[in-house]
């Protein structure tokens, strides 16, 4: 279908006045996410229609993106989500001094994602693809999915592609190979410091030959210790260095995630997405858990049949336990 004949899709971005959204919008508007022949309407939701939001719209106009047909600025979720085809949930409760623990941040966000789920369920298209970026991403996505009762649960996901990209980059740096030489790194579980970055099933092209990443690295101690902790704590390291959280890399990961969801994964490659567990790999059903998936026709499928050794099993169960505890806490918060 040519760009001239294709009907525009509506993509919504929440937290549109923030740094992460600012880093994301050009990729979306240029066609990098939904395709170079797909016109679109951008719906930008912010808590208030500030001058910052107006300036974002001005810049989008000045970029002269051929595919961008309309920009909607609003502080009303019903307007933002109306007939949406794709949604990036980036906006969240601002960090405040009383938020000392992860559960405090979860409590502050529970109301936001409960309400957004309710609105999405009432006004968005039933085929809408919803990506939660705001942390705690897995449990925020679970909350949202529970309150958008009319939208299929498989249409909700959370961002662990940032962790996959971080993990892949660490391997590339250590082996001195091009970025696309490494494939099928997995992130299991929660987007937190309990996540399990797994290279046990990954491969790399070196000297024209494909090798398992663990064999190419030749350092089991590194794979089981430094590599894992580096990826788990990468976000904190960025904050320490910049005094700000990741924006550019998170935006790139969000674009990667939605592009693959919309356009499909390459043959022989899989990607990590936080999705509602159906019991795969012994993960309790109903947890918003990161799995390796392949995607075709906008539908994800968990990669089947991967061998899970005792080391991986322990790591996968540990992050599942944290997600179960978060889910129970979210249940309590959402009841009030």
Protein backbone atom coordinates (compact mmCIF):
# COMPACT_ATOMS: atom_id res chain seq x y z
CA UNK A 1 0.00 0.00 0.00
CA UNK A 2 1.42 3.41 -0.93
CA UNK A 3 1.72 6.26 1.54
CA UNK A 4 -0.78 8.30 -0.48
CA UNK A 5 -3.51 5.69 -0.02
CA UNK A 6 -2.81 4.50 3.52
CA UNK A 7 -5.13 5.83 6.20
CA UNK A 8 -3.36 7.56 9.10
CA UNK A 9 -2.98 5.67 12.34
CA UNK A 10 -3.21 7.41 15.71
CA UNK A 11 -0.23 7.05 18.03
CA UNK A 12 -0.47 8.46 21.55
CA UNK A 13 2.41 9.44 23.82
CA UNK A 14 1.80 10.28 27.47
CA UNK A 15 4.16 12.37 29.55
CA UNK A 16 4.64 14.27 26.32
CA UNK A 17 6.31 17.27 27.97
CA UNK A 18 9.08 15.10 29.40
CA UNK A 19 12.62 14.35 28.28
CA UNK A 20 11.95 10.76 27.28
CA UNK A 21 9.02 11.69 25.06
CA UNK A 22 11.08 14.48 23.51
CA UNK A 23 13.73 11.89 22.58
CA UNK A 24 11.12 9.53 21.14
CA UNK A 25 8.83 11.72 19.05
CA UNK A 26 11.10 12.34 16.08
CA UNK A 27 11.56 8.59 15.54
CA UNK A 28 7.82 8.04 15.60
CA UNK A 29 6.99 11.00 13.35
CA UNK A 30 9.70 10.17 10.80
CA UNK A 31 8.38 6.67 10.09
CA UNK A 32 11.12 4.75 11.89
CA UNK A 33 8.55 2.97 14.09
CA UNK A 34 5.39 2.33 12.07
CA UNK A 35 6.86 2.34 8.58
CA UNK A 36 8.00 4.79 5.93
CA UNK A 37 4.66 4.62 4.09
CA UNK A 38 2.41 4.95 7.15
CA UNK A 39 0.86 8.41 7.76
CA UNK A 40 0.04 9.15 11.35
CA UNK A 41 -1.66 11.42 13.84
CA UNK A 42 0.33 12.10 17.00
CA UNK A 43 -1.69 12.54 20.17
CA UNK A 44 0.35 14.12 22.96
CA UNK A 45 -1.00 13.82 26.51
CA UNK A 46 0.42 15.91 29.34
CA UNK A 47 -0.89 16.72 32.81
CA UNK A 48 -1.26 20.31 31.70
CA UNK A 49 -1.10 22.02 28.31
CA UNK A 50 2.05 23.91 29.17
CA UNK A 51 4.30 26.05 27.01
CA UNK A 52 6.70 23.10 26.98
CA UNK A 53 4.09 20.94 25.29
CA UNK A 54 3.31 23.74 22.86
CA UNK A 55 6.99 24.04 22.03
CA UNK A 56 7.17 20.29 21.28
CA UNK A 57 4.33 20.71 18.82
CA UNK A 58 6.11 23.68 17.25
CA UNK A 59 9.25 21.62 16.75
CA UNK A 60 7.32 18.73 15.22
CA UNK A 61 5.81 21.22 12.78
CA UNK A 62 9.23 22.68 11.98
CA UNK A 63 10.66 19.22 11.29
CA UNK A 64 8.30 19.03 8.29
CA UNK A 65 7.76 15.28 8.60
CA UNK A 66 5.89 14.16 5.45
CA UNK A 67 4.04 11.38 7.30
CA UNK A 68 2.80 13.53 10.18
CA UNK A 69 -0.73 14.66 9.35
CA UNK A 70 -1.88 16.10 12.68
CA UNK A 71 -0.67 16.78 16.23
CA UNK A 72 -3.18 16.75 19.08
CA UNK A 73 -2.24 18.42 22.36
CA UNK A 74 -4.38 17.58 25.35
CA UNK A 75 -4.55 17.07 29.10
CA UNK A 76 -7.62 14.85 28.74
CA UNK A 77 -6.94 11.10 28.51
CA UNK A 78 -10.27 10.50 26.78
CA UNK A 79 -9.25 12.81 23.96
CA UNK A 80 -5.72 11.41 23.81
CA UNK A 81 -6.72 7.73 23.73
CA UNK A 82 -9.81 8.06 21.52
CA UNK A 83 -9.50 5.52 18.66
CA UNK A 84 -5.77 5.09 19.36
CA UNK A 85 -3.91 2.41 17.39
CA UNK A 86 -0.72 2.52 19.49
CA UNK A 87 0.05 4.03 22.89
CA UNK A 88 3.34 4.75 24.65
CA UNK A 89 2.61 5.16 28.38
CA UNK A 90 5.58 7.23 29.48
CA UNK A 91 4.04 9.65 31.97
CA UNK A 92 4.08 8.65 35.64
CA UNK A 93 3.92 10.09 39.13
CA UNK A 94 6.86 12.43 39.76
CA UNK A 95 9.45 11.24 42.24
CA UNK A 96 8.93 12.81 45.66
CA UNK A 97 10.97 12.79 48.86
CA UNK A 98 8.63 10.34 50.63
CA UNK A 99 9.25 7.68 47.99
CA UNK A 100 12.05 5.80 49.72
CA UNK A 101 11.33 2.31 48.40
CA UNK A 102 10.14 0.74 45.15
CA UNK A 103 6.74 0.00 46.71
CA UNK A 104 6.27 3.73 47.39
CA UNK A 105 6.72 4.50 43.71
CA UNK A 106 4.33 1.68 42.85
CA UNK A 107 1.70 3.08 45.21
CA UNK A 108 1.98 6.54 43.65
CA UNK A 109 1.51 5.11 40.16
CA UNK A 110 -1.26 2.62 40.89
CA UNK A 111 -4.03 5.23 40.62
CA UNK A 112 -2.61 6.69 37.41
CA UNK A 113 -2.44 3.36 35.58
CA UNK A 114 -5.78 2.18 36.94
CA UNK A 115 -7.43 5.30 35.55
CA UNK A 116 -5.56 5.14 32.25
CA UNK A 117 -6.56 1.50 31.85
CA UNK A 118 -10.19 2.39 32.40
CA UNK A 119 -10.07 5.16 29.80
CA UNK A 120 -8.21 3.01 27.27
CA UNK A 121 -10.80 0.31 27.68
CA UNK A 122 -13.61 2.75 26.97
CA UNK A 123 -12.28 4.78 24.03
CA UNK A 124 -9.23 3.15 22.36
CA UNK A 125 -9.47 0.67 19.52
CA UNK A 126 -9.69 -2.93 20.74
CA UNK A 127 -6.68 -3.71 18.54
CA UNK A 128 -4.56 -0.99 20.21
CA UNK A 129 -0.97 -1.88 21.14
CA UNK A 130 -0.05 -0.46 24.55
CA UNK A 131 3.57 -0.18 25.67
CA UNK A 132 4.25 0.85 29.28
CA UNK A 133 7.59 2.58 29.73
CA UNK A 134 6.99 4.32 33.08
CA UNK A 135 8.47 2.50 36.06
CA UNK A 136 7.80 0.16 37.73
CA UNK A 137 6.97 -0.79 34.16
CA UNK A 138 5.97 -4.44 34.57
CA UNK A 139 3.48 -3.84 37.36
CA UNK A 140 2.18 -0.58 35.89
CA UNK A 141 1.42 -2.55 32.72
CA UNK A 142 -0.29 -5.28 34.74
CA UNK A 143 -2.47 -2.69 36.51
CA UNK A 144 -3.41 -1.04 33.23
CA UNK A 145 -4.33 -4.37 31.64
CA UNK A 146 -6.61 -5.30 34.54
CA UNK A 147 -8.71 -2.14 34.28
CA UNK A 148 -9.00 -2.07 30.47
CA UNK A 149 -11.34 -5.02 30.47
CA UNK A 150 -12.47 -4.69 26.84
CA UNK A 151 -8.93 -4.82 25.38
CA UNK A 152 -7.23 -8.22 24.94
CA UNK A 153 -4.56 -8.78 27.58
CA UNK A 154 -1.97 -9.65 24.94
CA UNK A 155 -2.21 -6.04 23.70
CA UNK A 156 -0.37 -4.81 26.80
CA UNK A 157 3.37 -5.00 27.23
CA UNK A 158 6.15 -3.30 29.15
CA UNK A 159 9.62 -2.18 28.15
CA UNK A 160 12.51 -4.54 28.76
CA UNK A 161 14.06 -3.86 25.36
CA UNK A 162 16.24 -1.24 27.04
CA UNK A 163 17.76 -4.00 29.17
CA UNK A 164 18.19 -6.21 26.10
CA UNK A 165 19.94 -3.41 24.24
CA UNK A 166 22.18 -2.78 27.24
CA UNK A 167 23.05 -6.46 27.51
CA UNK A 168 23.77 -6.79 23.80
CA UNK A 169 25.97 -3.70 23.89
CA UNK A 170 28.04 -5.16 26.74
CA UNK A 171 28.70 -8.33 24.72
CA UNK A 172 29.52 -6.36 21.58
CA UNK A 173 31.95 -4.16 23.50
CA UNK A 174 33.68 -7.13 25.09
CA UNK A 175 34.02 -9.11 21.84
CA UNK A 176 34.77 -6.15 19.56
CA UNK A 177 32.14 -7.06 16.97
CA UNK A 178 29.46 -5.02 15.16
CA UNK A 179 26.17 -4.53 17.01
CA UNK A 180 24.17 -6.66 14.59
CA UNK A 181 26.61 -9.55 14.94
CA UNK A 182 25.01 -10.53 18.26
CA UNK A 183 21.46 -11.85 18.44
CA UNK A 184 18.99 -13.46 20.83
CA UNK A 185 20.14 -12.05 24.14
CA UNK A 186 17.24 -12.55 26.58
CA UNK A 187 15.91 -10.51 29.48
CA UNK A 188 13.81 -12.62 31.84
CA UNK A 189 11.46 -11.11 34.41
CA UNK A 190 11.23 -7.66 35.90
CA UNK A 191 12.67 -4.36 34.70
CA UNK A 192 14.49 -4.03 38.00
CA UNK A 193 17.74 -5.16 39.54
CA UNK A 194 16.34 -8.71 39.85
CA UNK A 195 16.05 -9.11 36.07
CA UNK A 196 18.02 -11.96 34.53
CA UNK A 197 20.06 -11.00 31.44
CA UNK A 198 20.72 -14.34 29.73
CA UNK A 199 23.23 -15.01 26.95
CA UNK A 200 22.98 -18.78 27.21
CA UNK A 201 20.98 -18.95 23.97
CA UNK A 202 22.59 -15.99 22.18
CA UNK A 203 24.93 -16.24 19.23
CA UNK A 204 27.55 -14.05 17.57
CA UNK A 205 29.12 -13.87 14.11
CA UNK A 206 32.92 -13.84 14.40
CA UNK A 207 35.16 -14.30 11.40
CA UNK A 208 32.17 -15.18 9.26
CA UNK A 209 31.11 -18.03 11.56
CA UNK A 210 28.26 -18.16 14.07
CA UNK A 211 29.21 -19.15 17.61
CA UNK A 212 27.36 -19.36 20.91
CA UNK A 213 28.08 -16.20 22.89
CA UNK A 214 29.27 -18.08 26.01
CA UNK A 215 31.80 -19.99 23.87
CA UNK A 216 32.97 -16.80 22.18
CA UNK A 217 33.40 -15.06 25.53
CA UNK A 218 35.18 -18.01 27.10
CA UNK A 219 34.64 -16.65 30.59
CA UNK A 220 31.86 -18.32 32.58
CA UNK A 221 32.62 -16.28 35.68
CA UNK A 222 32.02 -13.06 33.75
CA UNK A 223 28.76 -14.38 32.25
CA UNK A 224 27.42 -15.37 35.68
CA UNK A 225 28.52 -12.34 37.67
CA UNK A 226 29.88 -9.08 36.25
CA UNK A 227 27.81 -9.20 33.05
CA UNK A 228 24.56 -9.71 34.95
CA UNK A 229 25.17 -7.05 37.59
CA UNK A 230 26.37 -4.52 34.99
CA UNK A 231 23.11 -4.83 33.06
CA UNK A 232 20.97 -4.92 36.20
CA UNK A 233 22.54 -1.72 37.53
CA UNK A 234 23.08 0.13 34.26
CA UNK A 235 20.16 2.51 34.86
CA UNK A 236 21.55 3.49 38.26
CA UNK A 237 24.99 4.01 36.71
CA UNK A 238 23.52 6.41 34.14
CA UNK A 239 21.72 8.35 36.87
CA UNK A 240 24.93 8.59 38.89
CA UNK A 241 26.85 9.87 35.86
CA UNK A 242 24.22 12.27 34.45
CA UNK A 243 22.20 13.11 37.58
CA UNK A 244 19.24 12.26 35.33
CA UNK A 245 17.60 9.01 34.30
CA UNK A 246 18.06 7.43 30.89
CA UNK A 247 16.11 9.27 28.20
CA UNK A 248 17.86 8.78 24.86
CA UNK A 249 18.47 5.06 25.33
CA UNK A 250 15.00 4.43 26.80
CA UNK A 251 13.38 6.27 23.89
CA UNK A 252 15.41 4.25 21.39
CA UNK A 253 14.36 1.04 23.14
CA UNK A 254 10.69 2.07 23.14
CA UNK A 255 10.92 2.74 19.41
CA UNK A 256 12.62 -0.63 18.84
CA UNK A 257 9.95 -2.42 20.88
CA UNK A 258 6.99 -0.85 19.09
CA UNK A 259 8.59 -1.21 15.65
CA UNK A 260 9.04 -4.95 16.12
CA UNK A 261 5.52 -5.30 17.57
CA UNK A 262 4.07 -3.42 14.62
CA UNK A 263 6.24 -4.71 11.79
CA UNK A 264 7.39 -8.13 13.07
CA UNK A 265 10.72 -9.66 14.03
CA UNK A 266 13.34 -10.89 11.59
CA UNK A 267 13.57 -14.60 10.86
CA UNK A 268 15.83 -16.30 13.39
CA UNK A 269 15.83 -13.38 15.81
CA UNK A 270 13.79 -12.85 18.93
CA UNK A 271 13.34 -9.88 21.24
CA UNK A 272 12.51 -9.38 24.90
CA UNK A 273 9.09 -8.02 25.89
CA UNK A 274 7.28 -7.85 29.19
CA UNK A 275 3.99 -9.68 28.53
CA UNK A 276 1.37 -11.41 30.64
CA UNK A 277 2.58 -14.92 31.39
CA UNK A 278 0.51 -17.83 30.17
CA UNK A 279 2.59 -20.26 32.23
CA UNK A 280 5.54 -20.57 29.84
CA UNK A 281 8.79 -21.77 31.39
CA UNK A 282 7.07 -22.36 34.72
CA UNK A 283 6.40 -18.66 35.31
CA UNK A 284 3.10 -18.21 37.18
CA UNK A 285 0.23 -17.27 34.91
CA UNK A 286 -0.80 -13.60 35.04
CA UNK A 287 2.57 -12.03 35.88
CA UNK A 288 3.75 -9.27 33.53
CA UNK A 289 7.07 -10.99 32.89
CA UNK A 290 9.76 -10.45 30.27
CA UNK A 291 10.16 -13.36 27.85
CA UNK A 292 11.92 -13.88 24.52
CA UNK A 293 9.30 -13.53 21.80
CA UNK A 294 8.90 -13.58 18.06
CA UNK A 295 6.29 -11.39 16.39
CA UNK A 296 4.23 -11.78 13.22
CA UNK A 297 1.06 -9.94 12.17
CA UNK A 298 1.34 -7.79 15.32
CA UNK A 299 1.00 -10.88 17.54
CA UNK A 300 3.78 -12.02 19.85
CA UNK A 301 4.64 -15.65 20.64
CA UNK A 302 6.96 -16.76 23.42
CA UNK A 303 9.95 -18.63 22.00
CA UNK A 304 9.35 -22.27 22.97
CA UNK A 305 11.62 -25.11 24.01
CA UNK A 306 14.68 -23.29 25.36
CA UNK A 307 16.72 -25.35 27.79
CA UNK A 308 16.75 -23.81 31.27
CA UNK A 309 19.62 -24.91 33.50
CA UNK A 310 19.62 -24.71 37.29
CA UNK A 311 21.46 -21.36 37.36
CA UNK A 312 18.92 -19.77 35.01
CA UNK A 313 16.00 -21.36 36.88
CA UNK A 314 17.10 -19.77 40.14
CA UNK A 315 17.47 -16.33 38.54
CA UNK A 316 14.15 -16.58 36.69
CA UNK A 317 12.27 -17.63 39.83
CA UNK A 318 13.85 -14.85 41.89
CA UNK A 319 12.60 -12.10 39.59
CA UNK A 320 9.19 -13.83 39.34
CA UNK A 321 8.96 -13.74 43.14
CA UNK A 322 9.55 -9.98 43.12
CA UNK A 323 6.88 -9.50 40.46
CA UNK A 324 4.40 -11.59 42.44
CA UNK A 325 5.02 -9.39 45.50
CA UNK A 326 4.58 -6.24 43.40
CA UNK A 327 1.36 -7.64 41.93
CA UNK A 328 -0.04 -8.33 45.40
CA UNK A 329 0.89 -4.81 46.54
CA UNK A 330 -0.71 -3.32 43.42
CA UNK A 331 -3.90 -5.24 44.17
CA UNK A 332 -4.05 -3.59 47.57
CA UNK A 333 -3.27 -0.12 46.28
CA UNK A 334 -5.85 -0.36 43.49
CA UNK A 335 -8.55 -1.39 45.94
CA UNK A 336 -8.43 2.00 47.64
